Amino acid sequence: MQDLNFRRKRKKSGSSRSGARRSSRTGRARKRTPRRGLHFEDVKAPLHFAQEKIRRNRGGVRGFAVWAVEILLVCMTAVFLVAAFGQRVSTAGDSMSPALRNGDVLLINRLIYQIKSPARGDIIAFRQNESGHYLVKRIVGLPGETVQIVDGKVLIDGEEMTEDIYVSDVEYAGEAEQPVELGEDEYFVMGDAHAASDDSRLPSFGNIRRSDIYGQAWFIVSPGEDFGFI
């Protein structure tokens, strides 16, 4: 009986050992089996918020720079247009009637005579000294020509001129009673209302030099029926 018990015990111990071995094997196997699951710590998802913010900042700086350049160009263009076409001169008296009236405010084109020379028939603003008021007259004689007034008619190089001068039946010839030879940079000017005009016919007035010409009158800005192009 004791012998049987011993064998049973041995079997039990053997079985326990085998169970322990199995459990240890299964434990090792369990250890060896990879763990399945969500490994958030291994996946490094990039955050795009910082990059988007940098891009937006760059876009904002670039947009501001473009806006500043556009504003600068607009201001420069406005200054150029005002300086070239928007200088204002007011007329005094009715010497240019009916084309212009006393007190009309004119816009002067200062750029045009940088492109071309003053032409016969142009209404110009000029002054013969820096402290004087700008005067407005019409060009009758050009550089190198000879001007003379005979029997109320304006002669250019001995031929009657009727186009672009807007004067006829001139009563007072003044200095032009004798031929007036114009220099290379001189112009003979007259007012359309010649009877009420002080112009190149007077000895105290004389011819106008190119450097005296401020620009060409091209627009009347005074409110009223005369508003518009000359």
Protein backbone atom coordinates (compact mmCIF):
# COMPACT_ATOMS: atom_id res chain seq x y z
CA MET A 1 0.00 0.00 0.00
CA GLN A 2 2.72 2.36 0.85
CA ASP A 3 4.36 1.48 -2.39
CA LEU A 4 1.25 2.49 -4.29
CA ASN A 5 0.97 5.72 -2.44
CA PHE A 6 4.53 6.52 -3.26
CA ARG A 7 3.90 5.95 -6.91
CA ARG A 8 0.82 8.11 -6.80
CA LYS A 9 2.75 10.83 -5.13
CA ARG A 10 5.45 10.50 -7.66
CA LYS A 11 2.95 10.68 -10.42
CA LYS A 12 1.42 13.68 -8.85
CA SER A 13 4.75 15.32 -8.41
CA GLY A 14 5.64 14.42 -11.95
CA SER A 15 2.39 15.75 -13.17
CA SER A 16 2.88 18.91 -11.15
CA ARG A 17 6.33 19.30 -12.57
CA SER A 18 5.07 18.73 -16.07
CA GLY A 19 2.29 21.21 -15.38
CA ALA A 20 4.83 23.68 -14.13
CA ARG A 21 6.88 23.09 -17.22
CA ARG A 22 3.84 23.55 -19.39
CA SER A 23 2.88 26.67 -17.55
CA SER A 24 6.41 27.98 -17.87
CA ARG A 25 6.41 27.16 -21.57
CA THR A 26 3.07 28.74 -22.10
CA GLY A 27 4.32 31.74 -20.13
CA ARG A 28 7.33 31.97 -22.37
CA ALA A 29 5.13 31.52 -25.37
CA ARG A 30 2.87 34.24 -24.08
CA LYS A 31 5.87 36.43 -23.56
CA ARG A 32 7.05 35.75 -27.07
CA THR A 33 3.73 36.47 -28.68
CA PRO A 34 3.64 40.06 -29.87
CA ARG A 35 1.24 42.36 -28.23
CA ARG A 36 -1.46 43.62 -30.46
CA GLY A 37 -3.04 46.97 -29.95
CA LEU A 38 -2.89 50.67 -30.77
CA HIS A 39 0.69 51.84 -30.38
CA PHE A 40 0.08 55.61 -30.28
CA GLU A 41 3.53 56.21 -28.88
CA ASP A 42 5.19 54.71 -31.97
CA VAL A 43 3.17 56.69 -34.54
CA LYS A 44 4.32 60.28 -34.63
CA ALA A 45 1.54 62.16 -36.40
CA PRO A 46 2.83 65.56 -37.57
CA LEU A 47 0.97 68.59 -36.35
CA HIS A 48 0.22 70.95 -39.24
CA PHE A 49 -0.99 73.86 -37.13
CA ALA A 50 2.44 75.49 -36.83
CA GLN A 51 3.19 75.09 -40.51
CA GLU A 52 -0.17 76.53 -41.49
CA LYS A 53 0.42 79.45 -39.14
CA ILE A 54 3.83 80.14 -40.68
CA ARG A 55 2.36 79.99 -44.17
CA ARG A 56 -0.39 82.38 -43.18
CA ASN A 57 2.13 84.76 -41.66
CA ARG A 58 4.25 84.64 -44.79
CA GLY A 59 1.20 85.23 -46.95
CA GLY A 60 0.16 88.14 -44.76
CA VAL A 61 3.59 89.78 -44.95
CA ARG A 62 3.70 89.28 -48.71
CA GLY A 63 0.19 90.68 -49.13
CA PHE A 64 1.06 93.71 -47.02
CA ALA A 65 4.20 94.32 -49.10
CA VAL A 66 2.21 94.13 -52.34
CA TRP A 67 -0.42 96.47 -50.89
CA ALA A 68 2.25 98.97 -49.78
CA VAL A 69 3.89 98.93 -53.23
CA GLU A 70 0.52 99.48 -54.92
CA ILE A 71 -0.27 102.43 -52.63
CA LEU A 72 3.16 103.91 -53.33
CA LEU A 73 2.66 103.56 -57.09
CA VAL A 74 -0.77 105.18 -56.88
CA CYS A 75 0.62 108.11 -54.88
CA MET A 76 3.52 108.56 -57.29
CA THR A 77 1.16 108.43 -60.25
CA ALA A 78 -1.15 110.99 -58.64
CA VAL A 79 1.75 113.34 -57.91
CA PHE A 80 3.02 112.98 -61.46
CA LEU A 81 -0.41 113.64 -62.99
CA VAL A 82 -0.97 116.72 -60.84
CA ALA A 83 2.51 118.08 -61.60
CA ALA A 84 2.20 117.37 -65.33
CA PHE A 85 -1.44 118.21 -66.05
CA GLY A 86 -3.02 119.70 -62.94
CA GLN A 87 -1.19 122.96 -62.28
CA ARG A 88 -3.75 125.74 -61.99
CA VAL A 89 -3.58 129.29 -63.32
CA SER A 90 -6.31 131.90 -63.20
CA THR A 91 -6.91 134.48 -65.90
CA ALA A 92 -7.04 138.18 -65.18
CA GLY A 93 -9.03 140.39 -67.53
CA ASP A 94 -10.84 139.66 -70.77
CA SER A 95 -7.90 139.77 -73.16
CA MET A 96 -8.62 136.17 -74.24
CA SER A 97 -12.37 136.63 -74.67
CA PRO A 98 -14.40 134.86 -75.94
CA ALA A 99 -12.24 131.74 -75.48
CA LEU A 100 -11.56 132.63 -71.83
CA ARG A 101 -13.19 134.98 -69.38
CA ASN A 102 -11.91 137.01 -66.47
CA GLY A 103 -11.33 134.77 -63.44
CA ASP A 104 -11.39 131.45 -65.28
CA VAL A 105 -9.25 128.84 -63.56
CA LEU A 106 -7.24 126.80 -66.03
CA LEU A 107 -5.35 123.53 -65.84
CA ILE A 108 -1.91 123.74 -67.42
CA ASN A 109 -0.25 120.89 -69.28
CA ARG A 110 3.42 121.18 -68.41
CA LEU A 111 4.47 117.89 -69.96
CA ILE A 112 3.44 118.53 -73.55
CA TYR A 113 6.28 120.94 -74.32
CA GLN A 114 8.77 118.36 -73.14
CA ILE A 115 7.53 116.20 -76.02
CA LYS A 116 6.95 118.83 -78.71
CA SER A 117 7.58 122.50 -79.32
CA PRO A 118 4.89 125.15 -78.77
CA ALA A 119 2.74 125.57 -81.88
CA ARG A 120 0.91 128.46 -83.46
CA GLY A 121 -2.56 128.80 -81.98
CA ASP A 122 -1.65 127.29 -78.59
CA ILE A 123 -2.96 129.12 -75.54
CA ILE A 124 -0.02 129.30 -73.17
CA ALA A 125 0.62 130.38 -69.60
CA PHE A 126 3.86 132.26 -69.04
CA ARG A 127 5.53 134.90 -66.93
CA GLN A 128 8.41 137.16 -67.78
CA ASN A 129 9.84 137.31 -64.28
CA GLU A 130 9.75 134.87 -61.38
CA SER A 131 7.78 137.14 -59.07
CA GLY A 132 5.19 138.09 -61.70
CA HIS A 133 1.69 136.72 -62.23
CA TYR A 134 1.14 134.09 -64.89
CA LEU A 135 -0.30 135.55 -68.08
CA VAL A 136 -2.36 133.70 -70.68
CA LYS A 137 -2.07 134.52 -74.40
CA ARG A 138 -2.16 132.79 -77.78
CA ILE A 139 0.94 132.09 -79.87
CA VAL A 140 0.93 133.95 -83.20
CA GLY A 141 4.57 133.95 -84.34
CA LEU A 142 7.10 131.11 -84.05
CA PRO A 143 10.89 131.18 -83.67
CA GLY A 144 12.71 132.31 -86.78
CA GLU A 145 9.60 133.94 -88.35
CA THR A 146 8.96 137.58 -89.14
CA VAL A 147 5.72 139.10 -87.83
CA GLN A 148 4.14 142.31 -89.10
CA ILE A 149 0.70 143.86 -88.83
CA VAL A 150 -0.39 145.83 -91.92
CA ASP A 151 -3.86 147.32 -92.40
CA GLY A 152 -5.19 145.24 -89.52
CA LYS A 153 -3.87 141.99 -90.98
CA VAL A 154 -1.26 139.75 -89.39
CA LEU A 155 1.52 138.84 -91.82
CA ILE A 156 3.88 135.94 -91.16
CA ASP A 157 6.95 136.09 -93.36
CA GLY A 158 5.07 138.53 -95.61
CA GLU A 159 1.96 136.36 -96.04
CA GLU A 160 -1.39 136.97 -94.39
CA MET A 161 -2.12 134.52 -91.61
CA THR A 162 -5.76 133.73 -90.90
CA GLU A 163 -5.59 130.22 -89.40
CA ASP A 164 -5.06 129.49 -85.70
CA ILE A 165 -4.50 133.13 -84.61
CA TYR A 166 -8.16 134.16 -83.98
CA VAL A 167 -7.51 137.86 -84.60
CA SER A 168 -8.52 140.13 -87.46
CA ASP A 169 -8.89 143.84 -88.10
CA VAL A 170 -6.17 144.65 -85.59
CA GLU A 171 -6.41 148.37 -84.83
CA TYR A 172 -3.16 148.81 -82.94
CA ALA A 173 -0.03 147.34 -84.53
CA GLY A 174 2.48 148.68 -82.04
CA GLU A 175 5.97 147.27 -82.51
CA ALA A 176 4.60 145.00 -85.26
CA GLU A 177 3.98 147.99 -87.50
CA GLN A 178 7.50 147.23 -88.65
CA PRO A 179 8.65 143.65 -89.28
CA VAL A 180 9.54 141.90 -86.02
CA GLU A 181 12.14 139.17 -86.45
CA LEU A 182 11.88 136.43 -83.85
CA GLY A 183 14.96 134.74 -82.43
CA GLU A 184 15.49 131.00 -82.23
CA ASP A 185 13.71 130.74 -78.87
CA GLU A 186 11.25 133.66 -79.18
CA TYR A 187 7.47 133.69 -79.68
CA PHE A 188 5.10 136.50 -80.63
CA VAL A 189 1.89 136.30 -78.57
CA MET A 190 -1.43 138.14 -78.72
CA GLY A 191 -4.76 138.10 -76.96
CA ASP A 192 -7.87 137.05 -78.89
CA ALA A 193 -9.53 140.30 -77.80
CA HIS A 194 -6.66 142.34 -79.25
CA ALA A 195 -8.23 145.71 -78.42
CA ALA A 196 -8.08 144.87 -74.69
CA SER A 197 -4.84 142.94 -74.65
CA ASP A 198 -1.32 143.87 -73.58
CA ASP A 199 0.91 141.57 -75.58
CA SER A 200 3.96 141.36 -77.83
CA ARG A 201 2.86 144.47 -79.72
CA LEU A 202 3.88 146.63 -76.76
CA PRO A 203 7.54 147.63 -76.39
CA SER A 204 7.36 146.97 -72.63
CA PHE A 205 6.00 143.49 -73.22
CA GLY A 206 7.99 142.23 -76.19
CA ASN A 207 8.49 138.67 -77.37
CA ILE A 208 8.23 135.64 -75.13
CA ARG A 209 11.20 133.35 -74.67
CA ARG A 210 10.85 129.59 -74.55
CA SER A 211 12.09 129.52 -70.98
CA ASP A 212 9.24 131.88 -69.97
CA ILE A 213 6.53 129.43 -71.06
CA TYR A 214 5.02 127.50 -68.16
CA GLY A 215 2.78 125.20 -70.21
CA GLN A 216 -0.30 124.92 -72.40
CA ALA A 217 -3.77 125.68 -71.06
CA TRP A 218 -6.06 122.78 -71.83
CA PHE A 219 -9.00 122.68 -69.40
CA ILE A 220 -11.26 125.15 -67.61
CA VAL A 221 -12.10 123.97 -64.10
CA SER A 222 -14.20 126.96 -63.08
CA PRO A 223 -17.81 125.92 -62.45
CA GLY A 224 -20.29 127.16 -64.99
CA GLU A 225 -21.00 126.92 -68.69
CA ASP A 226 -17.33 127.31 -69.62
CA PHE A 227 -16.29 124.21 -67.68
CA GLY A 228 -14.48 121.75 -69.94
CA PHE A 229 -11.79 121.53 -72.58
CA ILE A 230 -10.58 124.73 -74.17
